[in-house]
Amino acid sequence: MKTFFTLLVLIVLVNITSAQNAKFIDAMTKGLEALSNSGTAEEVLATSNRFERIAKAEKTEWLPYYYAAYSRALYSFFSDDKSKVDEILDVAQSMIDVADSLSPKNSEVILAKAMILSGRIMVDPMSRGMQYGMQSGMLMNEAMQIDPENPRSYFMMGQSLFYTPAEFGGGKEAGCAMLEKSREKYATFTPESEIHPNWGEEQLIELLQQCSNGEVGE
């Protein structure tokens, strides 16, 4: 009889856990759909707040913290009002720090940190470009070392080189070479699940079109 009740309790716990996981995945999937359909900076920010609410409910999951930070980083690129960017990225940094504590040595988390720094550059490129650009590049290199198969590391590095003047170590030739590596990695990349990071390929294709149009080395 004791064995029967023990088994019954285990079955109930498994069912509860499965239901919780399904609820979490459903919430994350809807959040990712909302992010994909966001057309303005304000909509991107609203999606970030949505992921933050999921994170507060699922405190041991790194993905909602990651997407809350990632969405805020995207906001910094889309927003025309740069006066609010630093404040929003401060929140993004706090979110990605939690993700880092839950999933250390994670290349996706490290790349989100690099994105946050790149977002800060957008506030004042002339005064911030060198400092934050160098820090961001170091993080991209770290992500490559941790997971050499992650295509987003090469994409972000290639994008950075693409828009950095050759005299400062960048240039379209160097950028396009790195972007080609990213294309190779995307060809064999499979995300861990439907809610794990899987972005960047569309933007990569757009940049590679510029490479193939003979705009290299300008």
Foldseek 3Di string as FASTA:
>chain_A
DVVVVVVVVVVVVVVVVVVVVVVLVVLLVVLVVQCVPDDALVSLQVSLVSLVVSCVVVVLDLLSLLSNLLSLLVSLVRDPDLVCNVVSNVSSVVSLVSSCVNPPLALSSLLSVLSSLVSVCSSPVVVRVPPSVVVSLVSLVSSCVSPVLQLVSLLVVLVSLCPDDVVVPGWNVNSLVSLVVSVVSLVPDDAPDPSGDDDDPVVSVVSNVCVVVPPGGD
